[in-house]
Amino acid sequence: MPNDPIDDVIKREGGSKATNDSADGGGRTQYGISERSNPEAWADNKVSEAEAREIYERKYIKYPGFDKVADPHLQIQLIDYGVNSGPGVAIIKLQQILSVEVDGVLGPQTLAALLAASSREVNNQLVAARVRMIGKIVSKNISQVRFINNWLDRALQFLV
C-alpha cells in the first residue's frame, strides 16, 4: 500500500519548518502551505499540521479530482505536481500527454484516456514535462536557479 499522499507532500515540502525566502514568490511557507495562496491559514502567523492537511485534501486532492486516478504512483505525482505548479497545470500537462481536449479539468474523457494508457508511460512523460517546465521557469527568471536542484530531484523521484 502506498504512503499517504499528504504525508509524502509534507515531507517533500520540509515538514513543520517555517520558511520565508525572498526568492520564493509564495512568501512565508510552513508544511508547504504558502501565505500568498492560503492567507487564511496564516491568520495567526503559523500553519498547523491539521490546517495543512485540510488544505492539501481540499485544494490538491479532492477539488482537482486526483483522488479519481487509479494508479497510486501517478496519483501521488499529480498531487505533488499540483502542489508545486497548481492542479490546473498538472491536469493540462496530463491532457497533453494523453492527447485529449486540454481544458484543465480532470473529467470523464481524461480519466477514460488515462485508464486506456500505460500508467508507467504516462507517469514518466509527466516527469519529463515537469523537468521541461523547470527549465523554462529558470530560463525566464535566473533568480530561481537556486531552487533547480531541489525541483529536479523532486520531479525525478517519480520516475518508474
N, C-alpha and C. Protein backbone atom coordinates (compact mmCIF):
# COMPACT_ATOMS: atom_id res chain seq x y z
N MET A 1 0.85 -1.19 0.00
CA MET A 1 0.00 0.00 0.00
C MET A 1 0.89 1.25 0.00
N PRO A 2 0.59 2.21 -0.90
CA PRO A 2 1.42 3.42 -0.95
C PRO A 2 1.23 4.27 0.30
N ASN A 3 2.20 5.14 0.51
CA ASN A 3 2.12 6.07 1.63
C ASN A 3 0.95 7.02 1.44
N ASP A 4 0.55 7.64 2.52
CA ASP A 4 -0.46 8.69 2.46
C ASP A 4 0.12 9.83 1.63
N PRO A 5 -0.57 10.24 0.57
CA PRO A 5 0.00 11.29 -0.29
C PRO A 5 0.25 12.60 0.45
N ILE A 6 -0.55 12.90 1.45
CA ILE A 6 -0.35 14.14 2.19
C ILE A 6 0.92 14.04 3.03
N ASP A 7 1.16 12.88 3.65
CA ASP A 7 2.42 12.69 4.38
C ASP A 7 3.61 12.91 3.45
N ASP A 8 3.50 12.35 2.24
CA ASP A 8 4.58 12.48 1.26
C ASP A 8 4.83 13.94 0.88
N VAL A 9 3.76 14.69 0.62
CA VAL A 9 3.92 16.09 0.24
C VAL A 9 4.52 16.89 1.39
N ILE A 10 4.01 16.69 2.58
CA ILE A 10 4.54 17.44 3.73
C ILE A 10 6.03 17.16 3.91
N LYS A 11 6.42 15.92 3.75
CA LYS A 11 7.84 15.58 3.86
C LYS A 11 8.66 16.30 2.78
N ARG A 12 8.18 16.25 1.52
CA ARG A 12 8.91 16.92 0.43
C ARG A 12 8.93 18.44 0.61
N GLU A 13 7.92 18.97 1.27
CA GLU A 13 7.83 20.42 1.49
C GLU A 13 8.63 20.88 2.71
N GLY A 14 9.28 19.96 3.41
CA GLY A 14 10.13 20.36 4.52
C GLY A 14 9.51 20.23 5.89
N GLY A 15 8.34 19.60 5.97
CA GLY A 15 7.73 19.37 7.28
C GLY A 15 7.24 20.65 7.92
N SER A 16 7.37 20.70 9.23
CA SER A 16 6.80 21.81 10.01
C SER A 16 7.65 23.07 9.99
N LYS A 17 8.86 22.99 9.45
CA LYS A 17 9.75 24.15 9.44
C LYS A 17 9.15 25.29 8.62
N ALA A 18 9.04 26.45 9.23
CA ALA A 18 8.54 27.63 8.53
C ALA A 18 9.71 28.30 7.81
N THR A 19 9.46 28.78 6.59
CA THR A 19 10.48 29.48 5.82
C THR A 19 9.90 30.79 5.30
N ASN A 20 10.80 31.71 4.98
CA ASN A 20 10.40 32.97 4.38
C ASN A 20 11.54 33.42 3.47
N ASP A 21 11.66 32.76 2.34
CA ASP A 21 12.73 33.01 1.38
C ASP A 21 12.28 34.11 0.42
N SER A 22 13.04 35.18 0.34
CA SER A 22 12.66 36.31 -0.52
C SER A 22 12.56 35.92 -2.00
N ALA A 23 13.24 34.86 -2.41
CA ALA A 23 13.18 34.43 -3.81
C ALA A 23 11.97 33.54 -4.09
N ASP A 24 11.27 33.14 -3.04
CA ASP A 24 10.08 32.29 -3.18
C ASP A 24 8.85 33.19 -3.26
N GLY A 25 8.20 33.17 -4.40
CA GLY A 25 7.04 34.02 -4.63
C GLY A 25 5.86 33.73 -3.73
N GLY A 26 5.86 32.59 -3.06
CA GLY A 26 4.76 32.24 -2.17
C GLY A 26 4.81 32.94 -0.83
N GLY A 27 5.94 33.59 -0.53
CA GLY A 27 6.07 34.24 0.76
C GLY A 27 6.34 33.22 1.86
N ARG A 28 5.87 33.53 3.06
CA ARG A 28 6.08 32.60 4.17
C ARG A 28 5.42 31.26 3.86
N THR A 29 6.10 30.21 4.26
CA THR A 29 5.62 28.85 3.98
C THR A 29 5.87 27.96 5.19
N GLN A 30 4.88 27.13 5.52
CA GLN A 30 5.03 26.12 6.56
C GLN A 30 4.22 24.91 6.14
N TYR A 31 4.78 23.73 6.29
CA TYR A 31 4.17 22.48 5.81
C TYR A 31 3.90 22.57 4.30
N GLY A 32 4.58 23.49 3.63
CA GLY A 32 4.36 23.68 2.20
C GLY A 32 3.18 24.58 1.89
N ILE A 33 2.55 25.13 2.90
CA ILE A 33 1.40 26.00 2.70
C ILE A 33 1.88 27.45 2.67
N SER A 34 1.75 28.08 1.50
CA SER A 34 2.27 29.44 1.34
C SER A 34 1.24 30.47 1.80
N GLU A 35 1.77 31.54 2.31
CA GLU A 35 0.92 32.63 2.76
C GLU A 35 0.18 33.28 1.59
N ARG A 36 0.86 33.41 0.46
CA ARG A 36 0.22 34.06 -0.69
C ARG A 36 -1.01 33.28 -1.17
N SER A 37 -0.90 31.95 -1.22
CA SER A 37 -2.01 31.14 -1.73
C SER A 37 -3.04 30.78 -0.66
N ASN A 38 -2.64 30.88 0.60
CA ASN A 38 -3.53 30.45 1.69
C ASN A 38 -3.46 31.43 2.86
N PRO A 39 -3.82 32.69 2.64
CA PRO A 39 -3.69 33.68 3.71
C PRO A 39 -4.50 33.34 4.96
N GLU A 40 -5.62 32.66 4.78
CA GLU A 40 -6.45 32.30 5.93
C GLU A 40 -5.72 31.37 6.89
N ALA A 41 -4.87 30.51 6.37
CA ALA A 41 -4.11 29.59 7.22
C ALA A 41 -3.03 30.32 8.01
N TRP A 42 -2.63 31.47 7.52
CA TRP A 42 -1.58 32.25 8.16
C TRP A 42 -2.12 33.37 9.06
N ALA A 43 -3.43 33.40 9.29
CA ALA A 43 -4.05 34.47 10.08
C ALA A 43 -3.43 34.62 11.47
N ASP A 44 -2.97 33.52 12.06
CA ASP A 44 -2.35 33.57 13.39
C ASP A 44 -0.82 33.46 13.30
N ASN A 45 -0.27 33.74 12.11
CA ASN A 45 1.18 33.75 11.84
C ASN A 45 1.85 32.39 11.88
N LYS A 46 1.10 31.32 11.79
CA LYS A 46 1.66 29.97 11.69
C LYS A 46 0.60 29.07 11.07
N VAL A 47 1.05 27.94 10.55
CA VAL A 47 0.14 26.96 9.98
C VAL A 47 0.26 25.69 10.81
N SER A 48 -0.87 25.17 11.23
CA SER A 48 -0.83 23.90 11.97
C SER A 48 -0.81 22.75 10.98
N GLU A 49 -0.35 21.60 11.43
CA GLU A 49 -0.36 20.42 10.56
C GLU A 49 -1.79 20.08 10.14
N ALA A 50 -2.74 20.23 11.05
CA ALA A 50 -4.14 19.94 10.72
C ALA A 50 -4.65 20.87 9.61
N GLU A 51 -4.29 22.16 9.70
CA GLU A 51 -4.69 23.10 8.65
C GLU A 51 -4.07 22.71 7.31
N ALA A 52 -2.78 22.37 7.35
CA ALA A 52 -2.09 21.98 6.12
C ALA A 52 -2.75 20.75 5.50
N ARG A 53 -3.04 19.75 6.31
CA ARG A 53 -3.67 18.53 5.80
C ARG A 53 -5.04 18.83 5.17
N GLU A 54 -5.80 19.69 5.81
CA GLU A 54 -7.13 20.03 5.28
C GLU A 54 -6.99 20.75 3.93
N ILE A 55 -6.03 21.66 3.84
CA ILE A 55 -5.81 22.40 2.59
C ILE A 55 -5.37 21.44 1.49
N TYR A 56 -4.44 20.56 1.79
CA TYR A 56 -3.99 19.60 0.77
C TYR A 56 -5.15 18.71 0.32
N GLU A 57 -5.92 18.21 1.24
CA GLU A 57 -7.05 17.33 0.90
C GLU A 57 -8.05 18.07 0.01
N ARG A 58 -8.40 19.28 0.41
CA ARG A 58 -9.43 20.04 -0.30
C ARG A 58 -8.94 20.58 -1.64
N LYS A 59 -7.79 21.28 -1.64
CA LYS A 59 -7.34 22.01 -2.82
C LYS A 59 -6.50 21.19 -3.80
N TYR A 60 -5.85 20.15 -3.31
CA TYR A 60 -4.88 19.44 -4.16
C TYR A 60 -5.21 17.97 -4.38
N ILE A 61 -6.27 17.48 -3.75
CA ILE A 61 -6.67 16.09 -3.99
C ILE A 61 -8.13 16.05 -4.46
N LYS A 62 -9.06 16.51 -3.63
CA LYS A 62 -10.49 16.41 -3.95
C LYS A 62 -10.91 17.36 -5.08
N TYR A 63 -10.61 18.65 -4.93
CA TYR A 63 -11.07 19.63 -5.90
C TYR A 63 -10.61 19.31 -7.32
N PRO A 64 -9.32 19.03 -7.54
CA PRO A 64 -8.92 18.71 -8.93
C PRO A 64 -9.33 17.31 -9.37
N GLY A 65 -9.74 16.44 -8.43
CA GLY A 65 -10.16 15.09 -8.79
C GLY A 65 -9.03 14.07 -8.82
N PHE A 66 -7.88 14.39 -8.24
CA PHE A 66 -6.76 13.46 -8.27
C PHE A 66 -7.06 12.18 -7.49
N ASP A 67 -8.03 12.22 -6.61
CA ASP A 67 -8.43 11.01 -5.89
C ASP A 67 -9.10 10.00 -6.82
N LYS A 68 -9.46 10.40 -8.03
CA LYS A 68 -10.08 9.50 -9.01
C LYS A 68 -9.06 8.78 -9.89
N VAL A 69 -7.79 9.13 -9.76
CA VAL A 69 -6.73 8.50 -10.55
C VAL A 69 -6.42 7.15 -9.92
N ALA A 70 -6.57 6.08 -10.70
CA ALA A 70 -6.47 4.72 -10.17
C ALA A 70 -5.04 4.32 -9.78
N ASP A 71 -4.07 4.70 -10.58
CA ASP A 71 -2.69 4.30 -10.30
C ASP A 71 -2.15 5.14 -9.15
N PRO A 72 -1.79 4.51 -8.02
CA PRO A 72 -1.36 5.29 -6.85
C PRO A 72 -0.10 6.11 -7.08
N HIS A 73 0.85 5.59 -7.84
CA HIS A 73 2.09 6.32 -8.09
C HIS A 73 1.82 7.57 -8.92
N LEU A 74 1.02 7.42 -9.96
CA LEU A 74 0.67 8.56 -10.81
C LEU A 74 -0.19 9.55 -10.02
N GLN A 75 -1.08 9.05 -9.19
CA GLN A 75 -1.91 9.92 -8.36
C GLN A 75 -1.03 10.81 -7.46
N ILE A 76 -0.06 10.19 -6.81
CA ILE A 76 0.81 10.95 -5.91
C ILE A 76 1.63 11.98 -6.69
N GLN A 77 2.08 11.60 -7.90
CA GLN A 77 2.83 12.56 -8.69
C GLN A 77 1.95 13.74 -9.10
N LEU A 78 0.71 13.47 -9.51
CA LEU A 78 -0.19 14.56 -9.90
C LEU A 78 -0.46 15.49 -8.72
N ILE A 79 -0.65 14.92 -7.54
CA ILE A 79 -0.86 15.75 -6.35
C ILE A 79 0.37 16.62 -6.12
N ASP A 80 1.55 16.01 -6.17
CA ASP A 80 2.79 16.75 -5.94
C ASP A 80 2.99 17.83 -7.00
N TYR A 81 2.75 17.50 -8.25
CA TYR A 81 2.87 18.47 -9.33
C TYR A 81 1.88 19.61 -9.10
N GLY A 82 0.68 19.28 -8.68
CA GLY A 82 -0.33 20.29 -8.39
C GLY A 82 0.08 21.21 -7.27
N VAL A 83 0.72 20.66 -6.24
CA VAL A 83 1.20 21.47 -5.12
C VAL A 83 2.27 22.44 -5.61
N ASN A 84 3.18 21.98 -6.45
CA ASN A 84 4.27 22.83 -6.93
C ASN A 84 3.84 23.84 -7.99
N SER A 85 2.95 23.45 -8.87
CA SER A 85 2.66 24.28 -10.04
C SER A 85 1.20 24.66 -10.20
N GLY A 86 0.37 24.13 -9.34
CA GLY A 86 -1.07 24.34 -9.46
C GLY A 86 -1.72 23.13 -10.08
N PRO A 87 -2.85 22.68 -9.53
CA PRO A 87 -3.52 21.50 -10.07
C PRO A 87 -3.90 21.64 -11.55
N GLY A 88 -4.29 22.83 -11.96
CA GLY A 88 -4.66 23.04 -13.36
C GLY A 88 -3.50 22.77 -14.31
N VAL A 89 -2.32 23.20 -13.94
CA VAL A 89 -1.13 22.95 -14.76
C VAL A 89 -0.87 21.45 -14.85
N ALA A 90 -0.95 20.75 -13.72
CA ALA A 90 -0.72 19.30 -13.73
C ALA A 90 -1.73 18.59 -14.63
N ILE A 91 -2.98 19.02 -14.58
CA ILE A 91 -4.02 18.40 -15.42
C ILE A 91 -3.78 18.73 -16.89
N ILE A 92 -3.44 19.96 -17.19
CA ILE A 92 -3.16 20.34 -18.59
C ILE A 92 -2.01 19.51 -19.16
N LYS A 93 -0.94 19.36 -18.40
CA LYS A 93 0.19 18.54 -18.88
C LYS A 93 -0.25 17.11 -19.08
N LEU A 94 -1.06 16.56 -18.15
CA LEU A 94 -1.59 15.20 -18.31
C LEU A 94 -2.44 15.09 -19.57
N GLN A 95 -3.30 16.06 -19.81
CA GLN A 95 -4.16 16.03 -21.00
C GLN A 95 -3.34 16.12 -22.29
N GLN A 96 -2.30 16.91 -22.28
CA GLN A 96 -1.43 16.99 -23.46
C GLN A 96 -0.78 15.64 -23.74
N ILE A 97 -0.32 14.98 -22.68
CA ILE A 97 0.30 13.66 -22.83
C ILE A 97 -0.70 12.65 -23.37
N LEU A 98 -1.94 12.73 -22.90
CA LEU A 98 -2.98 11.77 -23.31
C LEU A 98 -3.63 12.12 -24.65
N SER A 99 -3.29 13.27 -25.20
CA SER A 99 -3.86 13.75 -26.47
C SER A 99 -5.39 13.84 -26.42
N VAL A 100 -5.87 14.41 -25.32
CA VAL A 100 -7.31 14.67 -25.19
C VAL A 100 -7.51 16.18 -25.15
N GLU A 101 -8.77 16.60 -25.17
CA GLU A 101 -9.06 18.03 -25.10
C GLU A 101 -8.39 18.63 -23.86
N VAL A 102 -7.68 19.72 -24.07
CA VAL A 102 -6.96 20.38 -22.98
C VAL A 102 -7.84 21.48 -22.43
N ASP A 103 -8.44 21.19 -21.26
CA ASP A 103 -9.31 22.17 -20.62
C ASP A 103 -8.98 22.36 -19.14
N GLY A 104 -7.98 21.64 -18.63
CA GLY A 104 -7.59 21.78 -17.24
C GLY A 104 -8.54 21.14 -16.25
N VAL A 105 -9.47 20.32 -16.75
CA VAL A 105 -10.44 19.64 -15.89
C VAL A 105 -10.23 18.13 -16.01
N LEU A 106 -10.09 17.48 -14.89
CA LEU A 106 -9.91 16.03 -14.87
C LEU A 106 -11.29 15.37 -14.92
N GLY A 107 -11.85 15.37 -16.12
CA GLY A 107 -13.21 14.86 -16.32
C GLY A 107 -13.22 13.46 -16.89
N PRO A 108 -14.41 13.00 -17.28
CA PRO A 108 -14.58 11.62 -17.77
C PRO A 108 -13.71 11.27 -18.97
N GLN A 109 -13.54 12.20 -19.91
CA GLN A 109 -12.74 11.93 -21.11
C GLN A 109 -11.27 11.71 -20.72
N THR A 110 -10.76 12.56 -19.87
CA THR A 110 -9.36 12.43 -19.45
C THR A 110 -9.16 11.16 -18.63
N LEU A 111 -10.09 10.87 -17.72
CA LEU A 111 -9.98 9.66 -16.89
C LEU A 111 -10.07 8.39 -17.74
N ALA A 112 -10.94 8.39 -18.76
CA ALA A 112 -11.06 7.23 -19.65
C ALA A 112 -9.77 7.04 -20.44
N ALA A 113 -9.21 8.13 -20.95
CA ALA A 113 -7.96 8.03 -21.70
C ALA A 113 -6.83 7.55 -20.79
N LEU A 114 -6.86 7.97 -19.57
CA LEU A 114 -5.84 7.55 -18.61
C LEU A 114 -5.94 6.05 -18.33
N LEU A 115 -7.14 5.55 -18.18
CA LEU A 115 -7.35 4.11 -17.96
C LEU A 115 -6.87 3.27 -19.14
N ALA A 116 -7.01 3.82 -20.34
CA ALA A 116 -6.62 3.10 -21.55
C ALA A 116 -5.12 3.16 -21.83
N ALA A 117 -4.42 4.04 -21.14
CA ALA A 117 -2.99 4.26 -21.40
C ALA A 117 -2.14 3.46 -20.41
N SER A 118 -0.87 3.35 -20.73
CA SER A 118 0.09 2.75 -19.82
C SER A 118 0.41 3.75 -18.72
N SER A 119 0.07 3.41 -17.49
CA SER A 119 0.32 4.32 -16.36
C SER A 119 1.80 4.66 -16.25
N ARG A 120 2.64 3.66 -16.46
CA ARG A 120 4.08 3.90 -16.36
C ARG A 120 4.55 4.91 -17.40
N GLU A 121 4.10 4.73 -18.64
CA GLU A 121 4.49 5.64 -19.71
C GLU A 121 3.98 7.05 -19.46
N VAL A 122 2.72 7.17 -19.06
CA VAL A 122 2.15 8.48 -18.76
C VAL A 122 2.91 9.12 -17.60
N ASN A 123 3.17 8.35 -16.57
CA ASN A 123 3.89 8.85 -15.40
C ASN A 123 5.25 9.42 -15.80
N ASN A 124 6.00 8.67 -16.58
CA ASN A 124 7.34 9.12 -16.96
C ASN A 124 7.30 10.31 -17.91
N GLN A 125 6.29 10.36 -18.77
CA GLN A 125 6.12 11.54 -19.63
C GLN A 125 5.77 12.77 -18.80
N LEU A 126 5.03 12.56 -17.73
CA LEU A 126 4.70 13.67 -16.83
C LEU A 126 5.96 14.18 -16.11
N VAL A 127 6.84 13.26 -15.72
CA VAL A 127 8.12 13.67 -15.13
C VAL A 127 8.88 14.53 -16.14
N ALA A 128 8.93 14.09 -17.39
CA ALA A 128 9.65 14.85 -18.43
C ALA A 128 9.02 16.24 -18.61
N ALA A 129 7.70 16.32 -18.57
CA ALA A 129 7.03 17.61 -18.70
C ALA A 129 7.40 18.54 -17.54
N ARG A 130 7.48 17.96 -16.34
CA ARG A 130 7.88 18.76 -15.17
C ARG A 130 9.30 19.29 -15.33
N VAL A 131 10.20 18.44 -15.80
CA VAL A 131 11.60 18.85 -15.97
C VAL A 131 11.69 19.97 -17.01
N ARG A 132 10.97 19.84 -18.11
CA ARG A 132 10.97 20.91 -19.13
C ARG A 132 10.43 22.21 -18.55
N MET A 133 9.39 22.11 -17.75
CA MET A 133 8.79 23.30 -17.15
C MET A 133 9.78 23.98 -16.20
N ILE A 134 10.51 23.19 -15.43
CA ILE A 134 11.52 23.74 -14.52
C ILE A 134 12.56 24.52 -15.33
N GLY A 135 12.99 23.95 -16.45
CA GLY A 135 13.94 24.64 -17.32
C GLY A 135 13.41 25.97 -17.81
N LYS A 136 12.14 26.01 -18.19
CA LYS A 136 11.54 27.26 -18.67
C LYS A 136 11.44 28.29 -17.55
N ILE A 137 11.09 27.85 -16.35
CA ILE A 137 10.99 28.77 -15.22
C ILE A 137 12.34 29.43 -14.95
N VAL A 138 13.39 28.62 -14.91
CA VAL A 138 14.73 29.14 -14.61
C VAL A 138 15.24 30.01 -15.76
N SER A 139 14.91 29.63 -17.01
CA SER A 139 15.33 30.45 -18.16
C SER A 139 14.71 31.84 -18.12
N LYS A 140 13.46 31.92 -17.68
CA LYS A 140 12.76 33.19 -17.63
C LYS A 140 13.15 34.04 -16.43
N ASN A 141 13.57 33.39 -15.35
CA ASN A 141 13.89 34.12 -14.12
C ASN A 141 15.09 33.48 -13.45
N ILE A 142 16.26 33.99 -13.74
CA ILE A 142 17.51 33.39 -13.27
C ILE A 142 17.60 33.33 -11.74
N SER A 143 16.84 34.16 -11.03
CA SER A 143 16.88 34.11 -9.56
C SER A 143 16.36 32.77 -9.04
N GLN A 144 15.63 32.05 -9.88
CA GLN A 144 15.07 30.77 -9.47
C GLN A 144 16.06 29.61 -9.59
N VAL A 145 17.24 29.88 -10.15
CA VAL A 145 18.24 28.82 -10.33
C VAL A 145 18.63 28.19 -8.99
N ARG A 146 18.54 28.93 -7.93
CA ARG A 146 18.90 28.40 -6.61
C ARG A 146 18.01 27.24 -6.19
N PHE A 147 16.82 27.11 -6.79
CA PHE A 147 15.89 26.04 -6.45
C PHE A 147 15.98 24.84 -7.39
N ILE A 148 16.75 24.97 -8.47
CA ILE A 148 16.69 23.98 -9.55
C ILE A 148 17.04 22.56 -9.09
N ASN A 149 18.06 22.41 -8.28
CA ASN A 149 18.43 21.05 -7.86
C ASN A 149 17.32 20.38 -7.07
N ASN A 150 16.72 21.12 -6.15
CA ASN A 150 15.62 20.54 -5.36
C ASN A 150 14.41 20.22 -6.24
N TRP A 151 14.08 21.13 -7.16
CA TRP A 151 12.94 20.90 -8.05
C TRP A 151 13.18 19.67 -8.92
N LEU A 152 14.40 19.58 -9.49
CA LEU A 152 14.70 18.43 -10.35
C LEU A 152 14.71 17.13 -9.55
N ASP A 153 15.32 17.14 -8.38
CA ASP A 153 15.31 15.94 -7.53
C ASP A 153 13.88 15.51 -7.23
N ARG A 154 13.05 16.49 -6.92
CA ARG A 154 11.66 16.20 -6.58
C ARG A 154 10.93 15.58 -7.76
N ALA A 155 11.07 16.15 -8.94
CA ALA A 155 10.39 15.62 -10.12
C ALA A 155 10.91 14.24 -10.48
N LEU A 156 12.24 14.07 -10.45
CA LEU A 156 12.85 12.81 -10.88
C LEU A 156 12.58 11.64 -9.96
N GLN A 157 12.22 11.90 -8.71
CA GLN A 157 11.93 10.78 -7.81
C GLN A 157 10.65 10.03 -8.21
N PHE A 158 9.89 10.59 -9.15
CA PHE A 158 8.68 9.91 -9.60
C PHE A 158 8.91 9.00 -10.81
N LEU A 159 10.12 8.98 -11.37
CA LEU A 159 10.40 8.08 -12.49
C LEU A 159 10.22 6.63 -12.08
N VAL A 160 9.61 5.85 -12.95
CA VAL A 160 9.46 4.40 -12.71
C VAL A 160 9.90 3.64 -13.95
